[in-house]
Amino acid sequence: EQLVAMLFRYAAFNGMDAVTLEENLGQFADRESVSGWAVSAMNWAVGQGLVEGSNGLLRPKATATRAEVATILMRFCALLKK
């Protein structure tokens, strides 16, 4: 959730549209474990396709692996090019 929050703020600062629909998190069993300060950012990340979760979980408090961070950053860079 911390990585997503940083990307969300960067996107907002650079004028990207922020999608923060609540239903974006509804499909994940651990949606209630997202910190209050990160809910908008997580909704945005899921809505933009940056985060897809794993086995129906977001794991917002878990440490992201190098591969997960690389994937999210690649998706974010592709989003910037649009």
PDB file of N, CA and C in Angstrom:
ATOM      1  N   GLU A   1       0.817  -1.196   0.000  1.00  0.00           N
ATOM      2  CA  GLU A   1       0.000   0.000   0.000  1.00  0.00           C
ATOM      3  C   GLU A   1       0.857   1.254   0.000  1.00  0.00           C
ATOM      4  N   GLN A   2       2.055   1.185   0.547  1.00  0.00           N
ATOM      5  CA  GLN A   2       2.918   2.363   0.548  1.00  0.00           C
ATOM      6  C   GLN A   2       3.421   2.695  -0.857  1.00  0.00           C
ATOM      7  N   LEU A   3       3.808   1.693  -1.612  1.00  0.00           N
ATOM      8  CA  LEU A   3       4.248   1.911  -2.995  1.00  0.00           C
ATOM      9  C   LEU A   3       3.121   2.520  -3.825  1.00  0.00           C
ATOM     10  N   VAL A   4       1.939   1.955  -3.677  1.00  0.00           N
ATOM     11  CA  VAL A   4       0.782   2.431  -4.432  1.00  0.00           C
ATOM     12  C   VAL A   4       0.440   3.875  -4.044  1.00  0.00           C
ATOM     13  N   ALA A   5       0.566   4.194  -2.778  1.00  0.00           N
ATOM     14  CA  ALA A   5       0.280   5.560  -2.332  1.00  0.00           C
ATOM     15  C   ALA A   5       1.254   6.556  -2.960  1.00  0.00           C
ATOM     16  N   MET A   6       2.524   6.180  -3.057  1.00  0.00           N
ATOM     17  CA  MET A   6       3.503   7.076  -3.691  1.00  0.00           C
ATOM     18  C   MET A   6       3.186   7.280  -5.168  1.00  0.00           C
ATOM     19  N   LEU A   7       2.852   6.205  -5.860  1.00  0.00           N
ATOM     20  CA  LEU A   7       2.529   6.311  -7.285  1.00  0.00           C
ATOM     21  C   LEU A   7       1.260   7.127  -7.494  1.00  0.00           C
ATOM     22  N   PHE A   8       0.282   6.942  -6.622  1.00  0.00           N
ATOM     23  CA  PHE A   8      -0.972   7.691  -6.688  1.00  0.00           C
ATOM     24  C   PHE A   8      -0.713   9.189  -6.548  1.00  0.00           C
ATOM     25  N   ARG A   9       0.114   9.545  -5.580  1.00  0.00           N
ATOM     26  CA  ARG A   9       0.429  10.960  -5.365  1.00  0.00           C
ATOM     27  C   ARG A   9       1.206  11.537  -6.549  1.00  0.00           C
ATOM     28  N   TYR A  10       2.115  10.761  -7.090  1.00  0.00           N
ATOM     29  CA  TYR A  10       2.872  11.202  -8.265  1.00  0.00           C
ATOM     30  C   TYR A  10       1.928  11.431  -9.446  1.00  0.00           C
ATOM     31  N   ALA A  11       1.018  10.498  -9.644  1.00  0.00           N
ATOM     32  CA  ALA A  11       0.056  10.606 -10.741  1.00  0.00           C
ATOM     33  C   ALA A  11      -0.822  11.844 -10.566  1.00  0.00           C
ATOM     34  N   ALA A  12      -1.302  12.067  -9.358  1.00  0.00           N
ATOM     35  CA  ALA A  12      -2.154  13.230  -9.090  1.00  0.00           C
ATOM     36  C   ALA A  12      -1.379  14.527  -9.292  1.00  0.00           C
ATOM     37  N   PHE A  13      -0.124  14.552  -8.850  1.00  0.00           N
ATOM     38  CA  PHE A  13       0.723  15.733  -8.991  1.00  0.00           C
ATOM     39  C   PHE A  13       0.946  16.078 -10.464  1.00  0.00           C
ATOM     40  N   ASN A  14       1.027  15.047 -11.308  1.00  0.00           N
ATOM     41  CA  ASN A  14       1.271  15.254 -12.727  1.00  0.00           C
ATOM     42  C   ASN A  14      -0.006  15.328 -13.559  1.00  0.00           C
ATOM     43  N   GLY A  15      -1.155  15.451 -12.897  1.00  0.00           N
ATOM     44  CA  GLY A  15      -2.407  15.694 -13.593  1.00  0.00           C
ATOM     45  C   GLY A  15      -3.095  14.477 -14.177  1.00  0.00           C
ATOM     46  N   MET A  16      -2.668  13.275 -13.814  1.00  0.00           N
ATOM     47  CA  MET A  16      -3.350  12.080 -14.313  1.00  0.00           C
ATOM     48  C   MET A  16      -4.710  11.961 -13.643  1.00  0.00           C
ATOM     49  N   ASP A  17      -5.649  11.383 -14.358  1.00  0.00           N
ATOM     50  CA  ASP A  17      -6.971  11.156 -13.788  1.00  0.00           C
ATOM     51  C   ASP A  17      -6.870  10.134 -12.661  1.00  0.00           C
ATOM     52  N   ALA A  18      -7.509  10.421 -11.557  1.00  0.00           N
ATOM     53  CA  ALA A  18      -7.519   9.511 -10.418  1.00  0.00           C
ATOM     54  C   ALA A  18      -8.852   8.770 -10.362  1.00  0.00           C
ATOM     55  N   VAL A  19      -8.797   7.474 -10.478  1.00  0.00           N
ATOM     56  CA  VAL A  19      -9.988   6.638 -10.378  1.00  0.00           C
ATOM     57  C   VAL A  19     -10.001   6.063  -8.971  1.00  0.00           C
ATOM     58  N   THR A  20     -10.983   6.439  -8.171  1.00  0.00           N
ATOM     59  CA  THR A  20     -11.015   5.988  -6.783  1.00  0.00           C
ATOM     60  C   THR A  20     -12.351   5.367  -6.432  1.00  0.00           C
ATOM     61  N   LEU A  21     -12.883   4.581  -7.322  1.00  0.00           N
ATOM     62  CA  LEU A  21     -14.175   3.961  -7.079  1.00  0.00           C
ATOM     63  C   LEU A  21     -14.062   2.881  -6.006  1.00  0.00           C
ATOM     64  N   GLU A  22     -14.952   2.931  -5.040  1.00  0.00           N
ATOM     65  CA  GLU A  22     -14.917   1.978  -3.932  1.00  0.00           C
ATOM     66  C   GLU A  22     -15.025   0.532  -4.378  1.00  0.00           C
ATOM     67  N   GLU A  23     -15.807   0.270  -5.431  1.00  0.00           N
ATOM     68  CA  GLU A  23     -16.019  -1.113  -5.831  1.00  0.00           C
ATOM     69  C   GLU A  23     -14.771  -1.792  -6.373  1.00  0.00           C
ATOM     70  N   ASN A  24     -13.706  -1.035  -6.611  1.00  0.00           N
ATOM     71  CA  ASN A  24     -12.472  -1.645  -7.084  1.00  0.00           C
ATOM     72  C   ASN A  24     -11.878  -2.607  -6.063  1.00  0.00           C
ATOM     73  N   LEU A  25     -12.102  -2.364  -4.791  1.00  0.00           N
ATOM     74  CA  LEU A  25     -11.545  -3.228  -3.755  1.00  0.00           C
ATOM     75  C   LEU A  25     -12.507  -4.332  -3.330  1.00  0.00           C
ATOM     76  N   GLY A  26     -13.744  -4.264  -3.764  1.00  0.00           N
ATOM     77  CA  GLY A  26     -14.764  -5.204  -3.318  1.00  0.00           C
ATOM     78  C   GLY A  26     -14.489  -6.656  -3.625  1.00  0.00           C
ATOM     79  N   GLN A  27     -13.661  -6.927  -4.605  1.00  0.00           N
ATOM     80  CA  GLN A  27     -13.390  -8.304  -5.003  1.00  0.00           C
ATOM     81  C   GLN A  27     -12.335  -8.992  -4.137  1.00  0.00           C
ATOM     82  N   PHE A  28     -11.702  -8.256  -3.231  1.00  0.00           N
ATOM     83  CA  PHE A  28     -10.613  -8.812  -2.433  1.00  0.00           C
ATOM     84  C   PHE A  28     -11.060  -9.099  -1.007  1.00  0.00           C
ATOM     85  N   ALA A  29     -10.735 -10.287  -0.525  1.00  0.00           N
ATOM     86  CA  ALA A  29     -11.160 -10.721   0.801  1.00  0.00           C
ATOM     87  C   ALA A  29     -10.509  -9.897   1.918  1.00  0.00           C
ATOM     88  N   ASP A  30      -9.328  -9.360   1.677  1.00  0.00           N
ATOM     89  CA  ASP A  30      -8.623  -8.610   2.717  1.00  0.00           C
ATOM     90  C   ASP A  30      -8.720  -7.095   2.541  1.00  0.00           C
ATOM     91  N   ARG A  31      -9.760  -6.640   1.849  1.00  0.00           N
ATOM     92  CA  ARG A  31      -9.915  -5.203   1.586  1.00  0.00           C
ATOM     93  C   ARG A  31     -10.008  -4.381   2.866  1.00  0.00           C
ATOM     94  N   GLU A  32     -10.496  -4.962   3.930  1.00  0.00           N
ATOM     95  CA  GLU A  32     -10.626  -4.240   5.200  1.00  0.00           C
ATOM     96  C   GLU A  32      -9.277  -3.984   5.858  1.00  0.00           C
ATOM     97  N   SER A  33      -8.232  -4.664   5.415  1.00  0.00           N
ATOM     98  CA  SER A  33      -6.907  -4.474   6.016  1.00  0.00           C
ATOM     99  C   SER A  33      -6.125  -3.344   5.358  1.00  0.00           C
ATOM    100  N   VAL A  34      -6.704  -2.715   4.342  1.00  0.00           N
ATOM    101  CA  VAL A  34      -6.066  -1.545   3.717  1.00  0.00           C
ATOM    102  C   VAL A  34      -6.195  -0.377   4.693  1.00  0.00           C
ATOM    103  N   SER A  35      -5.084   0.284   4.978  1.00  0.00           N
ATOM    104  CA  SER A  35      -5.095   1.431   5.882  1.00  0.00           C
ATOM    105  C   SER A  35      -5.987   2.538   5.314  1.00  0.00           C
ATOM    106  N   GLY A  36      -6.621   3.278   6.210  1.00  0.00           N
ATOM    107  CA  GLY A  36      -7.525   4.341   5.792  1.00  0.00           C
ATOM    108  C   GLY A  36      -6.876   5.350   4.869  1.00  0.00           C
ATOM    109  N   TRP A  37      -5.617   5.688   5.136  1.00  0.00           N
ATOM    110  CA  TRP A  37      -4.911   6.673   4.322  1.00  0.00           C
ATOM    111  C   TRP A  37      -4.571   6.145   2.934  1.00  0.00           C
ATOM    112  N   ALA A  38      -4.657   4.822   2.719  1.00  0.00           N
ATOM    113  CA  ALA A  38      -4.273   4.220   1.441  1.00  0.00           C
ATOM    114  C   ALA A  38      -5.460   3.737   0.614  1.00  0.00           C
ATOM    115  N   VAL A  39      -6.667   3.889   1.113  1.00  0.00           N
ATOM    116  CA  VAL A  39      -7.844   3.354   0.418  1.00  0.00           C
ATOM    117  C   VAL A  39      -8.000   3.972  -0.972  1.00  0.00           C
ATOM    118  N   SER A  40      -7.923   5.291  -1.069  1.00  0.00           N
ATOM    119  CA  SER A  40      -8.068   5.936  -2.379  1.00  0.00           C
ATOM    120  C   SER A  40      -6.986   5.477  -3.341  1.00  0.00           C
ATOM    121  N   ALA A  41      -5.766   5.389  -2.856  1.00  0.00           N
ATOM    122  CA  ALA A  41      -4.654   4.957  -3.698  1.00  0.00           C
ATOM    123  C   ALA A  41      -4.822   3.513  -4.151  1.00  0.00           C
ATOM    124  N   MET A  42      -5.269   2.647  -3.268  1.00  0.00           N
ATOM    125  CA  MET A  42      -5.467   1.242  -3.641  1.00  0.00           C
ATOM    126  C   MET A  42      -6.616   1.113  -4.636  1.00  0.00           C
ATOM    127  N   ASN A  43      -7.678   1.865  -4.418  1.00  0.00           N
ATOM    128  CA  ASN A  43      -8.784   1.863  -5.382  1.00  0.00           C
ATOM    129  C   ASN A  43      -8.293   2.306  -6.752  1.00  0.00           C
ATOM    130  N   TRP A  44      -7.485   3.349  -6.780  1.00  0.00           N
ATOM    131  CA  TRP A  44      -6.930   3.847  -8.028  1.00  0.00           C
ATOM    132  C   TRP A  44      -6.042   2.795  -8.690  1.00  0.00           C
ATOM    133  N   ALA A  45      -5.151   2.188  -7.912  1.00  0.00           N
ATOM    134  CA  ALA A  45      -4.210   1.203  -8.464  1.00  0.00           C
ATOM    135  C   ALA A  45      -4.933  -0.009  -9.042  1.00  0.00           C
ATOM    136  N   VAL A  46      -5.954  -0.474  -8.362  1.00  0.00           N
ATOM    137  CA  VAL A  46      -6.728  -1.609  -8.868  1.00  0.00           C
ATOM    138  C   VAL A  46      -7.509  -1.176 -10.108  1.00  0.00           C
ATOM    139  N   GLY A  47      -8.108  -0.004 -10.057  1.00  0.00           N
ATOM    140  CA  GLY A  47      -8.875   0.510 -11.189  1.00  0.00           C
ATOM    141  C   GLY A  47      -8.037   0.734 -12.434  1.00  0.00           C
ATOM    142  N   GLN A  48      -6.774   1.107 -12.249  1.00  0.00           N
ATOM    143  CA  GLN A  48      -5.868   1.347 -13.376  1.00  0.00           C
ATOM    144  C   GLN A  48      -5.167   0.069 -13.840  1.00  0.00           C
ATOM    145  N   GLY A  49      -5.361  -1.022 -13.102  1.00  0.00           N
ATOM    146  CA  GLY A  49      -4.718  -2.280 -13.482  1.00  0.00           C
ATOM    147  C   GLY A  49      -3.286  -2.418 -13.007  1.00  0.00           C
ATOM    148  N   LEU A  50      -2.848  -1.536 -12.120  1.00  0.00           N
ATOM    149  CA  LEU A  50      -1.492  -1.637 -11.597  1.00  0.00           C
ATOM    150  C   LEU A  50      -1.353  -2.791 -10.626  1.00  0.00           C
ATOM    151  N   VAL A  51      -2.405  -3.030  -9.856  1.00  0.00           N
ATOM    152  CA  VAL A  51      -2.418  -4.098  -8.851  1.00  0.00           C
ATOM    153  C   VAL A  51      -3.578  -5.018  -9.175  1.00  0.00           C
ATOM    154  N   GLU A  52      -3.288  -6.296  -9.252  1.00  0.00           N
ATOM    155  CA  GLU A  52      -4.334  -7.282  -9.551  1.00  0.00           C
ATOM    156  C   GLU A  52      -4.597  -8.216  -8.388  1.00  0.00           C
ATOM    157  N   GLY A  53      -3.740  -8.209  -7.399  1.00  0.00           N
ATOM    158  CA  GLY A  53      -3.888  -9.110  -6.267  1.00  0.00           C
ATOM    159  C   GLY A  53      -3.438 -10.520  -6.611  1.00  0.00           C
ATOM    160  N   SER A  54      -3.522 -11.380  -5.616  1.00  0.00           N
ATOM    161  CA  SER A  54      -3.105 -12.767  -5.786  1.00  0.00           C
ATOM    162  C   SER A  54      -4.027 -13.664  -4.965  1.00  0.00           C
ATOM    163  N   ASN A  55      -4.646 -14.603  -5.626  1.00  0.00           N
ATOM    164  CA  ASN A  55      -5.568 -15.525  -4.952  1.00  0.00           C
ATOM    165  C   ASN A  55      -6.662 -14.795  -4.181  1.00  0.00           C
ATOM    166  N   GLY A  56      -7.169 -13.724  -4.758  1.00  0.00           N
ATOM    167  CA  GLY A  56      -8.253 -12.976  -4.131  1.00  0.00           C
ATOM    168  C   GLY A  56      -7.824 -12.082  -2.985  1.00  0.00           C
ATOM    169  N   LEU A  57      -6.514 -11.844  -2.846  1.00  0.00           N
ATOM    170  CA  LEU A  57      -5.999 -11.019  -1.759  1.00  0.00           C
ATOM    171  C   LEU A  57      -5.138  -9.889  -2.306  1.00  0.00           C
ATOM    172  N   LEU A  58      -5.190  -8.751  -1.632  1.00  0.00           N
ATOM    173  CA  LEU A  58      -4.327  -7.624  -1.970  1.00  0.00           C
ATOM    174  C   LEU A  58      -3.006  -7.663  -1.204  1.00  0.00           C
ATOM    175  N   ARG A  59      -3.045  -8.152  -0.001  1.00  0.00           N
ATOM    176  CA  ARG A  59      -1.897  -8.189   0.904  1.00  0.00           C
ATOM    177  C   ARG A  59      -1.268  -6.799   1.063  1.00  0.00           C
ATOM    178  N   PRO A  60      -2.063  -5.805   1.474  1.00  0.00           N
ATOM    179  CA  PRO A  60      -1.567  -4.433   1.524  1.00  0.00           C
ATOM    180  C   PRO A  60      -0.449  -4.188   2.533  1.00  0.00           C
ATOM    181  N   LYS A  61      -0.340  -4.995   3.542  1.00  0.00           N
ATOM    182  CA  LYS A  61       0.685  -4.802   4.568  1.00  0.00           C
ATOM    183  C   LYS A  61       1.935  -5.642   4.316  1.00  0.00           C
ATOM    184  N   ALA A  62       1.885  -6.519   3.316  1.00  0.00           N
ATOM    185  CA  ALA A  62       3.011  -7.408   3.037  1.00  0.00           C
ATOM    186  C   ALA A  62       4.132  -6.654   2.334  1.00  0.00           C
ATOM    187  N   THR A  63       5.319  -7.180   2.463  1.00  0.00           N
ATOM    188  CA  THR A  63       6.460  -6.635   1.739  1.00  0.00           C
ATOM    189  C   THR A  63       6.380  -7.125   0.298  1.00  0.00           C
ATOM    190  N   ALA A  64       6.463  -6.200  -0.640  1.00  0.00           N
ATOM    191  CA  ALA A  64       6.404  -6.558  -2.058  1.00  0.00           C
ATOM    192  C   ALA A  64       7.734  -7.173  -2.480  1.00  0.00           C
ATOM    193  N   THR A  65       7.640  -8.186  -3.301  1.00  0.00           N
ATOM    194  CA  THR A  65       8.856  -8.792  -3.840  1.00  0.00           C
ATOM    195  C   THR A  65       9.423  -7.887  -4.935  1.00  0.00           C
ATOM    196  N   ARG A  66      10.643  -8.141  -5.309  1.00  0.00           N
ATOM    197  CA  ARG A  66      11.261  -7.376  -6.396  1.00  0.00           C
ATOM    198  C   ARG A  66      10.459  -7.532  -7.675  1.00  0.00           C
ATOM    199  N   ALA A  67       9.983  -8.737  -7.937  1.00  0.00           N
ATOM    200  CA  ALA A  67       9.191  -8.992  -9.146  1.00  0.00           C
ATOM    201  C   ALA A  67       7.865  -8.230  -9.114  1.00  0.00           C
ATOM    202  N   GLU A  68       7.218  -8.184  -7.954  1.00  0.00           N
ATOM    203  CA  GLU A  68       5.952  -7.453  -7.833  1.00  0.00           C
ATOM    204  C   GLU A  68       6.159  -5.957  -8.056  1.00  0.00           C
ATOM    205  N   VAL A  69       7.226  -5.410  -7.478  1.00  0.00           N
ATOM    206  CA  VAL A  69       7.516  -3.986  -7.659  1.00  0.00           C
ATOM    207  C   VAL A  69       7.828  -3.705  -9.120  1.00  0.00           C
ATOM    208  N   ALA A  70       8.620  -4.557  -9.749  1.00  0.00           N
ATOM    209  CA  ALA A  70       8.958  -4.367 -11.167  1.00  0.00           C
ATOM    210  C   ALA A  70       7.702  -4.384 -12.032  1.00  0.00           C
ATOM    211  N   THR A  71       6.799  -5.309 -11.748  1.00  0.00           N
ATOM    212  CA  THR A  71       5.557  -5.405 -12.523  1.00  0.00           C
ATOM    213  C   THR A  71       4.708  -4.155 -12.354  1.00  0.00           C
ATOM    214  N   ILE A  72       4.552  -3.705 -11.126  1.00  0.00           N
ATOM    215  CA  ILE A  72       3.752  -2.509 -10.863  1.00  0.00           C
ATOM    216  C   ILE A  72       4.373  -1.294 -11.540  1.00  0.00           C
ATOM    217  N   LEU A  73       5.696  -1.161 -11.459  1.00  0.00           N
ATOM    218  CA  LEU A  73       6.362  -0.020 -12.094  1.00  0.00           C
ATOM    219  C   LEU A  73       6.268  -0.074 -13.616  1.00  0.00           C
ATOM    220  N   MET A  74       6.376  -1.261 -14.192  1.00  0.00           N
ATOM    221  CA  MET A  74       6.216  -1.391 -15.647  1.00  0.00           C
ATOM    222  C   MET A  74       4.814  -0.985 -16.075  1.00  0.00           C
ATOM    223  N   ARG A  75       3.804  -1.422 -15.317  1.00  0.00           N
ATOM    224  CA  ARG A  75       2.424  -1.055 -15.634  1.00  0.00           C
ATOM    225  C   ARG A  75       2.214   0.447 -15.477  1.00  0.00           C
ATOM    226  N   PHE A  76       2.843   1.027 -14.457  1.00  0.00           N
ATOM    227  CA  PHE A  76       2.719   2.465 -14.220  1.00  0.00           C
ATOM    228  C   PHE A  76       3.370   3.248 -15.358  1.00  0.00           C
ATOM    229  N   CYS A  77       4.533   2.817 -15.800  1.00  0.00           N
ATOM    230  CA  CYS A  77       5.209   3.490 -16.923  1.00  0.00           C
ATOM    231  C   CYS A  77       4.363   3.419 -18.192  1.00  0.00           C
ATOM    232  N   ALA A  78       3.726   2.275 -18.423  1.00  0.00           N
ATOM    233  CA  ALA A  78       2.845   2.144 -19.588  1.00  0.00           C
ATOM    234  C   ALA A  78       1.655   3.090 -19.460  1.00  0.00           C
ATOM    235  N   LEU A  79       1.162   3.263 -18.238  1.00  0.00           N
ATOM    236  CA  LEU A  79       0.044   4.171 -17.993  1.00  0.00           C
ATOM    237  C   LEU A  79       0.458   5.622 -18.254  1.00  0.00           C
ATOM    238  N   LEU A  80       1.675   5.962 -17.920  1.00  0.00           N
ATOM    239  CA  LEU A  80       2.177   7.324 -18.149  1.00  0.00           C
ATOM    240  C   LEU A  80       2.256   7.657 -19.634  1.00  0.00           C
ATOM    241  N   LYS A  81       2.513   6.646 -20.448  1.00  0.00           N
ATOM    242  CA  LYS A  81       2.660   6.860 -21.892  1.00  0.00           C
ATOM    243  C   LYS A  81       1.340   7.116 -22.584  1.00  0.00           C
ATOM    244  N   LYS A  82       0.235   6.785 -21.946  1.00  0.00           N
ATOM    245  CA  LYS A  82      -1.082   6.963 -22.573  1.00  0.00           C
ATOM    246  C   LYS A  82      -1.453   8.422 -22.674  1.00  0.00           C
TER     247      LYS A  82
END
